[in-house]
Amino acid sequence: MSSRFSIICVLIYLLIIPDFVFIAQETISELELKNNKLLTAISALENEKNKKVLEIENQISIINDSIYRINKKIEDHRAIFHNINNK
């Protein structure tokens, strides 16, 4: 009886294992597909972030240039005012 039970167990094992392997392979394929989609989405988000960073850096540069020009005009006006007062 024990040898019959062992044989039955082995047969069941041999019948079940391929199903588990197939299910595992399907699951791995699904996870790989989801991972690829996630990586694509992350890449797109990084590209958008980089574009926004460049836009902000450009705006900061424009603002800094404007501040520099304003400060330069203030210095010029101070120099003119100083020259007028010293005459």
PDB file of N, CA and C in Angstrom:
ATOM      1  N   MET A   1       0.807  -1.183   0.000  1.00  0.00           N
ATOM      2  CA  MET A   1       0.000   0.000   0.000  1.00  0.00           C
ATOM      3  C   MET A   1       0.857   1.256   0.000  1.00  0.00           C
ATOM      4  N   SER A   2       1.953   1.191   0.677  1.00  0.00           N
ATOM      5  CA  SER A   2       2.832   2.348   0.763  1.00  0.00           C
ATOM      6  C   SER A   2       3.462   2.667  -0.587  1.00  0.00           C
ATOM      7  N   SER A   3       3.826   1.617  -1.340  1.00  0.00           N
ATOM      8  CA  SER A   3       4.435   1.871  -2.645  1.00  0.00           C
ATOM      9  C   SER A   3       3.406   2.428  -3.630  1.00  0.00           C
ATOM     10  N   ARG A   4       2.147   1.979  -3.532  1.00  0.00           N
ATOM     11  CA  ARG A   4       1.098   2.537  -4.387  1.00  0.00           C
ATOM     12  C   ARG A   4       0.877   4.015  -4.060  1.00  0.00           C
ATOM     13  N   PHE A   5       0.861   4.295  -2.769  1.00  0.00           N
ATOM     14  CA  PHE A   5       0.675   5.686  -2.339  1.00  0.00           C
ATOM     15  C   PHE A   5       1.814   6.556  -2.861  1.00  0.00           C
ATOM     16  N   SER A   6       3.039   6.041  -2.791  1.00  0.00           N
ATOM     17  CA  SER A   6       4.201   6.784  -3.285  1.00  0.00           C
ATOM     18  C   SER A   6       4.096   7.022  -4.783  1.00  0.00           C
ATOM     19  N   ILE A   7       3.678   6.008  -5.510  1.00  0.00           N
ATOM     20  CA  ILE A   7       3.536   6.141  -6.961  1.00  0.00           C
ATOM     21  C   ILE A   7       2.459   7.170  -7.289  1.00  0.00           C
ATOM     22  N   ILE A   8       1.343   7.113  -6.573  1.00  0.00           N
ATOM     23  CA  ILE A   8       0.262   8.076  -6.795  1.00  0.00           C
ATOM     24  C   ILE A   8       0.750   9.489  -6.493  1.00  0.00           C
ATOM     25  N   CYS A   9       1.494   9.637  -5.413  1.00  0.00           N
ATOM     26  CA  CYS A   9       2.033  10.955  -5.055  1.00  0.00           C
ATOM     27  C   CYS A   9       2.970  11.474  -6.135  1.00  0.00           C
ATOM     28  N   VAL A  10       3.815  10.595  -6.648  1.00  0.00           N
ATOM     29  CA  VAL A  10       4.748  10.997  -7.703  1.00  0.00           C
ATOM     30  C   VAL A  10       3.980  11.399  -8.961  1.00  0.00           C
ATOM     31  N   LEU A  11       2.955  10.639  -9.323  1.00  0.00           N
ATOM     32  CA  LEU A  11       2.155  10.968 -10.507  1.00  0.00           C
ATOM     33  C   LEU A  11       1.432  12.305 -10.332  1.00  0.00           C
ATOM     34  N   ILE A  12       0.858  12.509  -9.161  1.00  0.00           N
ATOM     35  CA  ILE A  12       0.193  13.791  -8.891  1.00  0.00           C
ATOM     36  C   ILE A  12       1.205  14.920  -8.981  1.00  0.00           C
ATOM     37  N   TYR A  13       2.365  14.695  -8.386  1.00  0.00           N
ATOM     38  CA  TYR A  13       3.435  15.695  -8.413  1.00  0.00           C
ATOM     39  C   TYR A  13       3.813  16.027  -9.853  1.00  0.00           C
ATOM     40  N   LEU A  14       3.964  14.990 -10.677  1.00  0.00           N
ATOM     41  CA  LEU A  14       4.352  15.200 -12.074  1.00  0.00           C
ATOM     42  C   LEU A  14       3.251  15.893 -12.877  1.00  0.00           C
ATOM     43  N   LEU A  15       2.009  15.708 -12.476  1.00  0.00           N
ATOM     44  CA  LEU A  15       0.903  16.377 -13.159  1.00  0.00           C
ATOM     45  C   LEU A  15       0.749  17.829 -12.711  1.00  0.00           C
ATOM     46  N   ILE A  16       1.033  18.092 -11.446  1.00  0.00           N
ATOM     47  CA  ILE A  16       0.814  19.430 -10.893  1.00  0.00           C
ATOM     48  C   ILE A  16       1.972  20.376 -11.208  1.00  0.00           C
ATOM     49  N   ILE A  17       3.194  19.901 -11.135  1.00  0.00           N
ATOM     50  CA  ILE A  17       4.373  20.759 -11.305  1.00  0.00           C
ATOM     51  C   ILE A  17       4.361  21.511 -12.635  1.00  0.00           C
ATOM     52  N   PRO A  18       4.051  20.865 -13.772  1.00  0.00           N
ATOM     53  CA  PRO A  18       4.029  21.645 -15.021  1.00  0.00           C
ATOM     54  C   PRO A  18       3.037  22.813 -14.971  1.00  0.00           C
ATOM     55  N   ASP A  19       1.883  22.608 -14.306  1.00  0.00           N
ATOM     56  CA  ASP A  19       0.919  23.702 -14.168  1.00  0.00           C
ATOM     57  C   ASP A  19       1.515  24.843 -13.366  1.00  0.00           C
ATOM     58  N   PHE A  20       2.180  24.517 -12.266  1.00  0.00           N
ATOM     59  CA  PHE A  20       2.800  25.557 -11.448  1.00  0.00           C
ATOM     60  C   PHE A  20       3.874  26.305 -12.231  1.00  0.00           C
ATOM     61  N   VAL A  21       4.649  25.558 -13.012  1.00  0.00           N
ATOM     62  CA  VAL A  21       5.701  26.184 -13.817  1.00  0.00           C
ATOM     63  C   VAL A  21       5.072  27.103 -14.861  1.00  0.00           C
ATOM     64  N   PHE A  22       4.014  26.636 -15.514  1.00  0.00           N
ATOM     65  CA  PHE A  22       3.339  27.451 -16.525  1.00  0.00           C
ATOM     66  C   PHE A  22       2.762  28.717 -15.896  1.00  0.00           C
ATOM     67  N   ILE A  23       2.096  28.566 -14.754  1.00  0.00           N
ATOM     68  CA  ILE A  23       1.526  29.728 -14.060  1.00  0.00           C
ATOM     69  C   ILE A  23       2.635  30.691 -13.652  1.00  0.00           C
ATOM     70  N   ALA A  24       3.745  30.154 -13.157  1.00  0.00           N
ATOM     71  CA  ALA A  24       4.871  31.006 -12.756  1.00  0.00           C
ATOM     72  C   ALA A  24       5.438  31.747 -13.966  1.00  0.00           C
ATOM     73  N   GLN A  25       5.562  31.056 -15.095  1.00  0.00           N
ATOM     74  CA  GLN A  25       6.077  31.702 -16.303  1.00  0.00           C
ATOM     75  C   GLN A  25       5.132  32.802 -16.788  1.00  0.00           C
ATOM     76  N   GLU A  26       3.823  32.543 -16.722  1.00  0.00           N
ATOM     77  CA  GLU A  26       2.847  33.577 -17.099  1.00  0.00           C
ATOM     78  C   GLU A  26       2.958  34.783 -16.175  1.00  0.00           C
ATOM     79  N   THR A  27       3.077  34.505 -14.885  1.00  0.00           N
ATOM     80  CA  THR A  27       3.189  35.589 -13.904  1.00  0.00           C
ATOM     81  C   THR A  27       4.449  36.400 -14.145  1.00  0.00           C
ATOM     82  N   ILE A  28       5.545  35.726 -14.418  1.00  0.00           N
ATOM     83  CA  ILE A  28       6.808  36.423 -14.693  1.00  0.00           C
ATOM     84  C   ILE A  28       6.664  37.286 -15.947  1.00  0.00           C
ATOM     85  N   SER A  29       6.036  36.756 -16.984  1.00  0.00           N
ATOM     86  CA  SER A  29       5.836  37.531 -18.218  1.00  0.00           C
ATOM     87  C   SER A  29       4.976  38.763 -17.959  1.00  0.00           C
ATOM     88  N   GLU A  30       3.906  38.591 -17.176  1.00  0.00           N
ATOM     89  CA  GLU A  30       3.044  39.733 -16.846  1.00  0.00           C
ATOM     90  C   GLU A  30       3.812  40.779 -16.049  1.00  0.00           C
ATOM     91  N   LEU A  31       4.621  40.323 -15.092  1.00  0.00           N
ATOM     92  CA  LEU A  31       5.406  41.257 -14.283  1.00  0.00           C
ATOM     93  C   LEU A  31       6.444  41.985 -15.129  1.00  0.00           C
ATOM     94  N   GLU A  32       7.057  41.271 -16.065  1.00  0.00           N
ATOM     95  CA  GLU A  32       8.029  41.912 -16.954  1.00  0.00           C
ATOM     96  C   GLU A  32       7.350  42.978 -17.811  1.00  0.00           C
ATOM     97  N   LEU A  33       6.154  42.679 -18.318  1.00  0.00           N
ATOM     98  CA  LEU A  33       5.411  43.651 -19.125  1.00  0.00           C
ATOM     99  C   LEU A  33       5.048  44.875 -18.286  1.00  0.00           C
ATOM    100  N   LYS A  34       4.550  44.642 -17.067  1.00  0.00           N
ATOM    101  CA  LYS A  34       4.217  45.761 -16.180  1.00  0.00           C
ATOM    102  C   LYS A  34       5.459  46.570 -15.839  1.00  0.00           C
ATOM    103  N   ASN A  35       6.576  45.887 -15.632  1.00  0.00           N
ATOM    104  CA  ASN A  35       7.832  46.571 -15.325  1.00  0.00           C
ATOM    105  C   ASN A  35       8.260  47.453 -16.496  1.00  0.00           C
ATOM    106  N   ASN A  36       8.139  46.932 -17.714  1.00  0.00           N
ATOM    107  CA  ASN A  36       8.496  47.724 -18.901  1.00  0.00           C
ATOM    108  C   ASN A  36       7.594  48.943 -19.043  1.00  0.00           C
ATOM    109  N   LYS A  37       6.291  48.757 -18.787  1.00  0.00           N
ATOM    110  CA  LYS A  37       5.367  49.892 -18.850  1.00  0.00           C
ATOM    111  C   LYS A  37       5.724  50.923 -17.788  1.00  0.00           C
ATOM    112  N   LEU A  38       6.062  50.445 -16.600  1.00  0.00           N
ATOM    113  CA  LEU A  38       6.434  51.350 -15.513  1.00  0.00           C
ATOM    114  C   LEU A  38       7.707  52.113 -15.860  1.00  0.00           C
ATOM    115  N   LEU A  39       8.698  51.422 -16.409  1.00  0.00           N
ATOM    116  CA  LEU A  39       9.944  52.084 -16.792  1.00  0.00           C
ATOM    117  C   LEU A  39       9.700  53.127 -17.882  1.00  0.00           C
ATOM    118  N   THR A  40       8.816  52.816 -18.815  1.00  0.00           N
ATOM    119  CA  THR A  40       8.472  53.778 -19.866  1.00  0.00           C
ATOM    120  C   THR A  40       7.801  55.009 -19.270  1.00  0.00           C
ATOM    121  N   ALA A  41       6.882  54.778 -18.337  1.00  0.00           N
ATOM    122  CA  ALA A  41       6.196  55.901 -17.689  1.00  0.00           C
ATOM    123  C   ALA A  41       7.175  56.746 -16.881  1.00  0.00           C
ATOM    124  N   ILE A  42       8.076  56.099 -16.169  1.00  0.00           N
ATOM    125  CA  ILE A  42       9.082  56.826 -15.377  1.00  0.00           C
ATOM    126  C   ILE A  42       9.965  57.655 -16.298  1.00  0.00           C
ATOM    127  N   SER A  43      10.368  57.076 -17.416  1.00  0.00           N
ATOM    128  CA  SER A  43      11.207  57.796 -18.377  1.00  0.00           C
ATOM    129  C   SER A  43      10.481  59.025 -18.923  1.00  0.00           C
ATOM    130  N   ALA A  44       9.203  58.865 -19.241  1.00  0.00           N
ATOM    131  CA  ALA A  44       8.418  60.001 -19.748  1.00  0.00           C
ATOM    132  C   ALA A  44       8.309  61.090 -18.685  1.00  0.00           C
ATOM    133  N   LEU A  45       8.091  60.689 -17.437  1.00  0.00           N
ATOM    134  CA  LEU A  45       8.004  61.669 -16.346  1.00  0.00           C
ATOM    135  C   LEU A  45       9.335  62.384 -16.139  1.00  0.00           C
ATOM    136  N   GLU A  46      10.436  61.647 -16.242  1.00  0.00           N
ATOM    137  CA  GLU A  46      11.755  62.275 -16.098  1.00  0.00           C
ATOM    138  C   GLU A  46      11.999  63.279 -17.224  1.00  0.00           C
ATOM    139  N   ASN A  47      11.577  62.934 -18.435  1.00  0.00           N
ATOM    140  CA  ASN A  47      11.724  63.867 -19.560  1.00  0.00           C
ATOM    141  C   ASN A  47      10.922  65.133 -19.319  1.00  0.00           C
ATOM    142  N   GLU A  48       9.690  64.982 -18.849  1.00  0.00           N
ATOM    143  CA  GLU A  48       8.853  66.150 -18.546  1.00  0.00           C
ATOM    144  C   GLU A  48       9.477  66.983 -17.437  1.00  0.00           C
ATOM    145  N   LYS A  49       9.991  66.313 -16.412  1.00  0.00           N
ATOM    146  CA  LYS A  49      10.637  67.024 -15.302  1.00  0.00           C
ATOM    147  C   LYS A  49      11.835  67.813 -15.809  1.00  0.00           C
ATOM    148  N   ASN A  50      12.647  67.190 -16.656  1.00  0.00           N
ATOM    149  CA  ASN A  50      13.825  67.874 -17.198  1.00  0.00           C
ATOM    150  C   ASN A  50      13.432  69.085 -18.039  1.00  0.00           C
ATOM    151  N   LYS A  51      12.346  68.963 -18.808  1.00  0.00           N
ATOM    152  CA  LYS A  51      11.863  70.109 -19.588  1.00  0.00           C
ATOM    153  C   LYS A  51      11.454  71.247 -18.663  1.00  0.00           C
ATOM    154  N   LYS A  52      10.715  70.905 -17.600  1.00  0.00           N
ATOM    155  CA  LYS A  52      10.262  71.932 -16.649  1.00  0.00           C
ATOM    156  C   LYS A  52      11.454  72.591 -15.962  1.00  0.00           C
ATOM    157  N   VAL A  53      12.448  71.800 -15.595  1.00  0.00           N
ATOM    158  CA  VAL A  53      13.644  72.350 -14.948  1.00  0.00           C
ATOM    159  C   VAL A  53      14.340  73.327 -15.893  1.00  0.00           C
ATOM    160  N   LEU A  54      14.466  72.955 -17.168  1.00  0.00           N
ATOM    161  CA  LEU A  54      15.085  73.854 -18.147  1.00  0.00           C
ATOM    162  C   LEU A  54      14.286  75.143 -18.307  1.00  0.00           C
ATOM    163  N   GLU A  55      12.958  75.021 -18.342  1.00  0.00           N
ATOM    164  CA  GLU A  55      12.119  76.219 -18.451  1.00  0.00           C
ATOM    165  C   GLU A  55      12.337  77.136 -17.248  1.00  0.00           C
ATOM    166  N   ILE A  56      12.363  76.550 -16.065  1.00  0.00           N
ATOM    167  CA  ILE A  56      12.563  77.344 -14.845  1.00  0.00           C
ATOM    168  C   ILE A  56      13.950  77.975 -14.840  1.00  0.00           C
ATOM    169  N   GLU A  57      14.967  77.205 -15.243  1.00  0.00           N
ATOM    170  CA  GLU A  57      16.325  77.759 -15.299  1.00  0.00           C
ATOM    171  C   GLU A  57      16.390  78.926 -16.283  1.00  0.00           C
ATOM    172  N   ASN A  58      15.719  78.797 -17.418  1.00  0.00           N
ATOM    173  CA  ASN A  58      15.687  79.896 -18.398  1.00  0.00           C
ATOM    174  C   ASN A  58      14.993  81.122 -17.820  1.00  0.00           C
ATOM    175  N   GLN A  59      13.883  80.912 -17.123  1.00  0.00           N
ATOM    176  CA  GLN A  59      13.172  82.035 -16.506  1.00  0.00           C
ATOM    177  C   GLN A  59      14.036  82.712 -15.444  1.00  0.00           C
ATOM    178  N   ILE A  60      14.742  81.911 -14.657  1.00  0.00           N
ATOM    179  CA  ILE A  60      15.640  82.470 -13.638  1.00  0.00           C
ATOM    180  C   ILE A  60      16.740  83.283 -14.303  1.00  0.00           C
ATOM    181  N   SER A  61      17.281  82.770 -15.403  1.00  0.00           N
ATOM    182  CA  SER A  61      18.327  83.491 -16.133  1.00  0.00           C
ATOM    183  C   SER A  61      17.811  84.832 -16.653  1.00  0.00           C
ATOM    184  N   ILE A  62      16.602  84.832 -17.203  1.00  0.00           N
ATOM    185  CA  ILE A  62      16.005  86.082 -17.700  1.00  0.00           C
ATOM    186  C   ILE A  62      15.815  87.063 -16.549  1.00  0.00           C
ATOM    187  N   ILE A  63      15.311  86.576 -15.423  1.00  0.00           N
ATOM    188  CA  ILE A  63      15.109  87.439 -14.249  1.00  0.00           C
ATOM    189  C   ILE A  63      16.441  87.989 -13.758  1.00  0.00           C
ATOM    190  N   ASN A  64      17.462  87.137 -13.689  1.00  0.00           N
ATOM    191  CA  ASN A  64      18.782  87.593 -13.243  1.00  0.00           C
ATOM    192  C   ASN A  64      19.358  88.647 -14.184  1.00  0.00           C
ATOM    193  N   ASP A  65      19.170  88.452 -15.486  1.00  0.00           N
ATOM    194  CA  ASP A  65      19.629  89.460 -16.454  1.00  0.00           C
ATOM    195  C   ASP A  65      18.905  90.785 -16.240  1.00  0.00           C
ATOM    196  N   SER A  66      17.602  90.714 -16.005  1.00  0.00           N
ATOM    197  CA  SER A  66      16.825  91.939 -15.758  1.00  0.00           C
ATOM    198  C   SER A  66      17.300  92.634 -14.489  1.00  0.00           C
ATOM    199  N   ILE A  67      17.528  91.870 -13.446  1.00  0.00           N
ATOM    200  CA  ILE A  67      18.020  92.449 -12.186  1.00  0.00           C
ATOM    201  C   ILE A  67      19.382  93.105 -12.403  1.00  0.00           C
ATOM    202  N   TYR A  68      20.249  92.436 -13.165  1.00  0.00           N
ATOM    203  CA  TYR A  68      21.572  93.000 -13.446  1.00  0.00           C
ATOM    204  C   TYR A  68      21.439  94.336 -14.181  1.00  0.00           C
ATOM    205  N   ARG A  69      20.565  94.377 -15.215  1.00  0.00           N
ATOM    206  CA  ARG A  69      20.377  95.620 -15.977  1.00  0.00           C
ATOM    207  C   ARG A  69      19.804  96.731 -15.095  1.00  0.00           C
ATOM    208  N   ILE A  70      18.852  96.384 -14.245  1.00  0.00           N
ATOM    209  CA  ILE A  70      18.266  97.385 -13.336  1.00  0.00           C
ATOM    210  C   ILE A  70      19.327  97.909 -12.375  1.00  0.00           C
ATOM    211  N   ASN A  71      20.108  97.004 -11.803  1.00  0.00           N
ATOM    212  CA  ASN A  71      21.175  97.429 -10.882  1.00  0.00           C
ATOM    213  C   ASN A  71      22.209  98.297 -11.591  1.00  0.00           C
ATOM    214  N   LYS A  72      22.505  97.951 -12.837  1.00  0.00           N
ATOM    215  CA  LYS A  72      23.458  98.746 -13.617  1.00  0.00           C
ATOM    216  C   LYS A  72      22.909 100.156 -13.839  1.00  0.00           C
ATOM    217  N   LYS A  73      21.620 100.272 -14.176  1.00  0.00           N
ATOM    218  CA  LYS A  73      21.007 101.593 -14.363  1.00  0.00           C
ATOM    219  C   LYS A  73      21.021 102.381 -13.058  1.00  0.00           C
ATOM    220  N   ILE A  74      20.739 101.702 -11.942  1.00  0.00           N
ATOM    221  CA  ILE A  74      20.769 102.380 -10.637  1.00  0.00           C
ATOM    222  C   ILE A  74      22.172 102.917 -10.362  1.00  0.00           C
ATOM    223  N   GLU A  75      23.190 102.095 -10.633  1.00  0.00           N
ATOM    224  CA  GLU A  75      24.578 102.542 -10.435  1.00  0.00           C
ATOM    225  C   GLU A  75      24.891 103.738 -11.332  1.00  0.00           C
ATOM    226  N   ASP A  76      24.451 103.681 -12.594  1.00  0.00           N
ATOM    227  CA  ASP A  76      24.686 104.798 -13.521  1.00  0.00           C
ATOM    228  C   ASP A  76      24.014 106.069 -13.012  1.00  0.00           C
ATOM    229  N   HIS A  77      22.776 105.951 -12.541  1.00  0.00           N
ATOM    230  CA  HIS A  77      22.056 107.121 -12.020  1.00  0.00           C
ATOM    231  C   HIS A  77      22.727 107.663 -10.759  1.00  0.00           C
ATOM    232  N   ARG A  78      23.220 106.779  -9.913  1.00  0.00           N
ATOM    233  CA  ARG A  78      23.931 107.231  -8.710  1.00  0.00           C
ATOM    234  C   ARG A  78      25.204 107.984  -9.097  1.00  0.00           C
ATOM    235  N   ALA A  79      25.905 107.453 -10.103  1.00  0.00           N
ATOM    236  CA  ALA A  79      27.135 108.117 -10.546  1.00  0.00           C
ATOM    237  C   ALA A  79      26.814 109.496 -11.112  1.00  0.00           C
ATOM    238  N   ILE A  80      25.754 109.574 -11.919  1.00  0.00           N
ATOM    239  CA  ILE A  80      25.353 110.876 -12.476  1.00  0.00           C
ATOM    240  C   ILE A  80      24.958 111.820 -11.347  1.00  0.00           C
ATOM    241  N   PHE A  81      24.149 111.343 -10.402  1.00  0.00           N
ATOM    242  CA  PHE A  81      23.709 112.168  -9.277  1.00  0.00           C
ATOM    243  C   PHE A  81      24.905 112.616  -8.440  1.00  0.00           C
ATOM    244  N   HIS A  82      25.854 111.716  -8.230  1.00  0.00           N
ATOM    245  CA  HIS A  82      27.060 112.039  -7.468  1.00  0.00           C
ATOM    246  C   HIS A  82      27.873 113.122  -8.187  1.00  0.00           C
ATOM    247  N   ASN A  83      28.006 112.984  -9.520  1.00  0.00           N
ATOM    248  CA  ASN A  83      28.742 113.985 -10.307  1.00  0.00           C
ATOM    249  C   ASN A  83      28.052 115.345 -10.261  1.00  0.00           C
ATOM    250  N   ILE A  84      26.723 115.355 -10.317  1.00  0.00           N
ATOM    251  CA  ILE A  84      25.981 116.625 -10.263  1.00  0.00           C
ATOM    252  C   ILE A  84      26.171 117.282  -8.900  1.00  0.00           C
ATOM    253  N   ASN A  85      26.125 116.512  -7.850  1.00  0.00           N
ATOM    254  CA  ASN A  85      26.256 117.064  -6.493  1.00  0.00           C
ATOM    255  C   ASN A  85      27.676 117.527  -6.188  1.00  0.00           C
ATOM    256  N   ASN A  86      28.655 116.969  -6.856  1.00  0.00           N
ATOM    257  CA  ASN A  86      30.045 117.346  -6.588  1.00  0.00           C
ATOM    258  C   ASN A  86      30.499 118.537  -7.426  1.00  0.00           C
ATOM    259  N   LYS A  87      29.665 119.076  -8.295  1.00  0.00           N
ATOM    260  CA  LYS A  87      30.056 120.220  -9.129  1.00  0.00           C
ATOM    261  C   LYS A  87      29.836 121.499  -8.412  1.00  0.00           C
TER     262      LYS A  87
END
